[in-house]
Amino acid sequence: MKSISNVRNLKEVTARLCQIIYIIGNVLTIFGCLALLFGVLGMFDMDRFSFGLSAGVRIIGTVAISGCLLSAIGYGISDYLKSK
């Protein structure tokens, strides 16, 4: 009986972790897209985010893409756990 409760607890923890991952991903995606939009409209200077050889628009775009990837991972694992 102990192993069954451990499996349930593991699924609950994994489901909660997936939820946290896709919430963080959604927030990063929204932040990145809004920053790109505001930068294109000229509301702030995107060069503030540049360092090295990377332009500021690349860094902001990377934030948005990272958010999309985190959301996809979180939702994917969540759907996989629900189908099992």
N, C-alpha and C. Protein backbone atom coordinates (compact mmCIF):
# COMPACT_ATOMS: atom_id res chain seq x y z
N MET A 1 0.80 -1.20 0.00
CA MET A 1 0.00 0.00 0.00
C MET A 1 0.84 1.27 0.00
N LYS A 2 2.02 1.15 0.61
CA LYS A 2 2.87 2.32 0.68
C LYS A 2 3.31 2.78 -0.71
N SER A 3 3.58 1.84 -1.60
CA SER A 3 4.05 2.22 -2.93
C SER A 3 2.96 2.90 -3.74
N ILE A 4 1.70 2.52 -3.54
CA ILE A 4 0.59 3.16 -4.27
C ILE A 4 0.45 4.61 -3.83
N SER A 5 0.56 4.87 -2.55
CA SER A 5 0.45 6.25 -2.07
C SER A 5 1.65 7.07 -2.53
N ASN A 6 2.82 6.45 -2.63
CA ASN A 6 3.99 7.16 -3.12
C ASN A 6 3.84 7.53 -4.59
N VAL A 7 3.24 6.64 -5.37
CA VAL A 7 3.01 6.93 -6.80
C VAL A 7 2.02 8.06 -6.95
N ARG A 8 0.95 8.04 -6.17
CA ARG A 8 -0.03 9.13 -6.23
C ARG A 8 0.61 10.45 -5.84
N ASN A 9 1.40 10.40 -4.77
CA ASN A 9 2.07 11.62 -4.32
C ASN A 9 3.04 12.12 -5.38
N LEU A 10 3.76 11.23 -6.03
CA LEU A 10 4.69 11.61 -7.09
C LEU A 10 3.94 12.24 -8.26
N LYS A 11 2.79 11.69 -8.63
CA LYS A 11 2.00 12.27 -9.72
C LYS A 11 1.49 13.66 -9.36
N GLU A 12 1.08 13.83 -8.10
CA GLU A 12 0.60 15.14 -7.67
C GLU A 12 1.72 16.17 -7.69
N VAL A 13 2.89 15.78 -7.22
CA VAL A 13 4.03 16.69 -7.22
C VAL A 13 4.44 17.02 -8.65
N THR A 14 4.46 16.02 -9.53
CA THR A 14 4.82 16.25 -10.92
C THR A 14 3.80 17.15 -11.61
N ALA A 15 2.52 16.93 -11.32
CA ALA A 15 1.48 17.77 -11.92
C ALA A 15 1.62 19.21 -11.45
N ARG A 16 1.91 19.39 -10.18
CA ARG A 16 2.09 20.76 -9.65
C ARG A 16 3.33 21.41 -10.26
N LEU A 17 4.40 20.65 -10.41
CA LEU A 17 5.61 21.17 -11.02
C LEU A 17 5.37 21.58 -12.48
N CYS A 18 4.62 20.77 -13.20
CA CYS A 18 4.27 21.10 -14.59
C CYS A 18 3.45 22.38 -14.65
N GLN A 19 2.53 22.53 -13.70
CA GLN A 19 1.72 23.73 -13.66
C GLN A 19 2.59 24.97 -13.42
N ILE A 20 3.54 24.86 -12.53
CA ILE A 20 4.45 25.97 -12.27
C ILE A 20 5.28 26.28 -13.51
N ILE A 21 5.75 25.24 -14.20
CA ILE A 21 6.57 25.44 -15.40
C ILE A 21 5.78 26.15 -16.48
N TYR A 22 4.53 25.74 -16.74
CA TYR A 22 3.82 26.41 -17.82
C TYR A 22 3.31 27.78 -17.43
N ILE A 23 3.11 28.04 -16.16
CA ILE A 23 2.76 29.40 -15.75
C ILE A 23 3.95 30.33 -15.95
N ILE A 24 5.14 29.89 -15.55
CA ILE A 24 6.35 30.68 -15.77
C ILE A 24 6.56 30.89 -17.27
N GLY A 25 6.33 29.85 -18.06
CA GLY A 25 6.47 29.96 -19.51
C GLY A 25 5.51 30.97 -20.11
N ASN A 26 4.26 30.94 -19.66
CA ASN A 26 3.28 31.89 -20.17
C ASN A 26 3.65 33.33 -19.79
N VAL A 27 4.12 33.52 -18.56
CA VAL A 27 4.52 34.87 -18.13
C VAL A 27 5.71 35.37 -18.95
N LEU A 28 6.70 34.51 -19.17
CA LEU A 28 7.85 34.91 -19.98
C LEU A 28 7.45 35.22 -21.42
N THR A 29 6.54 34.44 -21.97
CA THR A 29 6.08 34.68 -23.34
C THR A 29 5.35 36.02 -23.45
N ILE A 30 4.47 36.27 -22.50
CA ILE A 30 3.74 37.55 -22.52
C ILE A 30 4.70 38.72 -22.33
N PHE A 31 5.62 38.58 -21.38
CA PHE A 31 6.60 39.65 -21.14
C PHE A 31 7.46 39.89 -22.38
N GLY A 32 7.95 38.83 -23.00
CA GLY A 32 8.79 38.97 -24.19
C GLY A 32 8.05 39.59 -25.36
N CYS A 33 6.82 39.15 -25.59
CA CYS A 33 6.03 39.70 -26.71
C CYS A 33 5.69 41.17 -26.48
N LEU A 34 5.32 41.51 -25.25
CA LEU A 34 5.02 42.91 -24.96
C LEU A 34 6.27 43.78 -25.08
N ALA A 35 7.40 43.26 -24.63
CA ALA A 35 8.65 44.02 -24.75
C ALA A 35 9.02 44.23 -26.21
N LEU A 36 8.84 43.20 -27.03
CA LEU A 36 9.10 43.36 -28.47
C LEU A 36 8.16 44.38 -29.09
N LEU A 37 6.90 44.32 -28.72
CA LEU A 37 5.92 45.26 -29.26
C LEU A 37 6.25 46.69 -28.84
N PHE A 38 6.55 46.89 -27.56
CA PHE A 38 6.88 48.23 -27.09
C PHE A 38 8.18 48.74 -27.71
N GLY A 39 9.12 47.84 -27.94
CA GLY A 39 10.37 48.24 -28.57
C GLY A 39 10.19 48.64 -30.01
N VAL A 40 9.35 47.90 -30.73
CA VAL A 40 9.09 48.22 -32.13
C VAL A 40 8.33 49.55 -32.25
N LEU A 41 7.43 49.79 -31.30
CA LEU A 41 6.67 51.03 -31.32
C LEU A 41 7.48 52.22 -30.82
N GLY A 42 8.67 51.96 -30.30
CA GLY A 42 9.54 53.04 -29.85
C GLY A 42 9.26 53.53 -28.44
N MET A 43 8.57 52.73 -27.66
CA MET A 43 8.24 53.15 -26.29
C MET A 43 9.44 53.02 -25.35
N PHE A 44 10.39 52.18 -25.68
CA PHE A 44 11.66 52.12 -24.95
C PHE A 44 12.75 51.63 -25.88
N ASP A 45 13.97 51.87 -25.45
CA ASP A 45 15.13 51.54 -26.27
C ASP A 45 15.53 50.09 -26.03
N MET A 46 15.48 49.28 -27.08
CA MET A 46 15.83 47.86 -26.94
C MET A 46 17.33 47.64 -26.81
N ASP A 47 18.12 48.64 -27.11
CA ASP A 47 19.57 48.48 -27.00
C ASP A 47 20.04 48.38 -25.56
N ARG A 48 19.17 48.70 -24.61
CA ARG A 48 19.52 48.52 -23.20
C ARG A 48 19.81 47.07 -22.87
N PHE A 49 19.16 46.17 -23.59
CA PHE A 49 19.29 44.75 -23.30
C PHE A 49 20.41 44.07 -24.09
N SER A 50 21.13 44.84 -24.88
CA SER A 50 22.19 44.23 -25.69
C SER A 50 23.46 44.08 -24.86
N PHE A 51 24.16 42.98 -25.11
CA PHE A 51 25.49 42.81 -24.53
C PHE A 51 26.29 41.94 -25.48
N GLY A 52 27.58 42.19 -25.50
CA GLY A 52 28.43 41.46 -26.43
C GLY A 52 28.07 41.77 -27.87
N LEU A 53 27.97 40.73 -28.67
CA LEU A 53 27.63 40.90 -30.08
C LEU A 53 26.13 40.74 -30.35
N SER A 54 25.33 40.50 -29.31
CA SER A 54 23.89 40.31 -29.49
C SER A 54 23.14 41.63 -29.37
N ALA A 55 22.26 41.86 -30.31
CA ALA A 55 21.42 43.05 -30.27
C ALA A 55 20.33 42.87 -29.23
N GLY A 56 19.77 43.97 -28.77
CA GLY A 56 18.74 43.92 -27.75
C GLY A 56 17.50 43.18 -28.18
N VAL A 57 17.14 43.29 -29.45
CA VAL A 57 15.95 42.61 -29.95
C VAL A 57 16.14 41.09 -29.89
N ARG A 58 17.36 40.63 -30.05
CA ARG A 58 17.62 39.18 -29.95
C ARG A 58 17.42 38.69 -28.53
N ILE A 59 17.87 39.45 -27.56
CA ILE A 59 17.73 39.05 -26.16
C ILE A 59 16.27 39.01 -25.77
N ILE A 60 15.52 40.02 -26.16
CA ILE A 60 14.09 40.06 -25.84
C ILE A 60 13.36 38.92 -26.55
N GLY A 61 13.72 38.66 -27.79
CA GLY A 61 13.13 37.55 -28.52
C GLY A 61 13.46 36.21 -27.89
N THR A 62 14.66 36.10 -27.34
CA THR A 62 15.05 34.87 -26.66
C THR A 62 14.20 34.63 -25.43
N VAL A 63 13.85 35.69 -24.72
CA VAL A 63 12.96 35.55 -23.56
C VAL A 63 11.60 35.00 -24.00
N ALA A 64 11.06 35.55 -25.08
CA ALA A 64 9.75 35.09 -25.57
C ALA A 64 9.82 33.64 -26.04
N ILE A 65 10.86 33.27 -26.74
CA ILE A 65 11.00 31.90 -27.23
C ILE A 65 11.21 30.93 -26.07
N SER A 66 11.99 31.34 -25.08
CA SER A 66 12.18 30.48 -23.90
C SER A 66 10.86 30.25 -23.17
N GLY A 67 10.04 31.27 -23.10
CA GLY A 67 8.73 31.12 -22.49
C GLY A 67 7.86 30.15 -23.27
N CYS A 68 7.91 30.22 -24.59
CA CYS A 68 7.14 29.28 -25.42
C CYS A 68 7.60 27.85 -25.19
N LEU A 69 8.91 27.65 -25.10
CA LEU A 69 9.45 26.30 -24.89
C LEU A 69 9.05 25.77 -23.51
N LEU A 70 9.15 26.61 -22.48
CA LEU A 70 8.74 26.17 -21.15
C LEU A 70 7.26 25.81 -21.11
N SER A 71 6.44 26.62 -21.75
CA SER A 71 5.01 26.32 -21.81
C SER A 71 4.75 25.00 -22.51
N ALA A 72 5.43 24.78 -23.62
CA ALA A 72 5.24 23.53 -24.37
C ALA A 72 5.67 22.32 -23.53
N ILE A 73 6.78 22.45 -22.81
CA ILE A 73 7.24 21.35 -21.97
C ILE A 73 6.24 21.08 -20.84
N GLY A 74 5.81 22.14 -20.18
CA GLY A 74 4.85 21.97 -19.08
C GLY A 74 3.53 21.37 -19.52
N TYR A 75 2.97 21.90 -20.60
CA TYR A 75 1.70 21.37 -21.11
C TYR A 75 1.87 19.95 -21.65
N GLY A 76 3.00 19.68 -22.28
CA GLY A 76 3.24 18.34 -22.83
C GLY A 76 3.33 17.28 -21.75
N ILE A 77 4.09 17.56 -20.71
CA ILE A 77 4.20 16.60 -19.61
C ILE A 77 2.88 16.44 -18.89
N SER A 78 2.16 17.54 -18.73
CA SER A 78 0.85 17.49 -18.09
C SER A 78 -0.13 16.62 -18.89
N ASP A 79 -0.16 16.79 -20.21
CA ASP A 79 -1.03 15.96 -21.04
C ASP A 79 -0.61 14.50 -21.02
N TYR A 80 0.69 14.25 -20.99
CA TYR A 80 1.18 12.90 -20.93
C TYR A 80 0.76 12.22 -19.63
N LEU A 81 0.84 12.94 -18.52
CA LEU A 81 0.44 12.36 -17.23
C LEU A 81 -1.07 12.11 -17.18
N LYS A 82 -1.84 12.97 -17.81
CA LYS A 82 -3.30 12.77 -17.81
C LYS A 82 -3.71 11.58 -18.66
N SER A 83 -2.94 11.28 -19.71
CA SER A 83 -3.31 10.18 -20.59
C SER A 83 -2.94 8.82 -20.00
N LYS A 84 -2.07 8.81 -19.02
CA LYS A 84 -1.65 7.54 -18.40
C LYS A 84 -2.66 7.05 -17.42
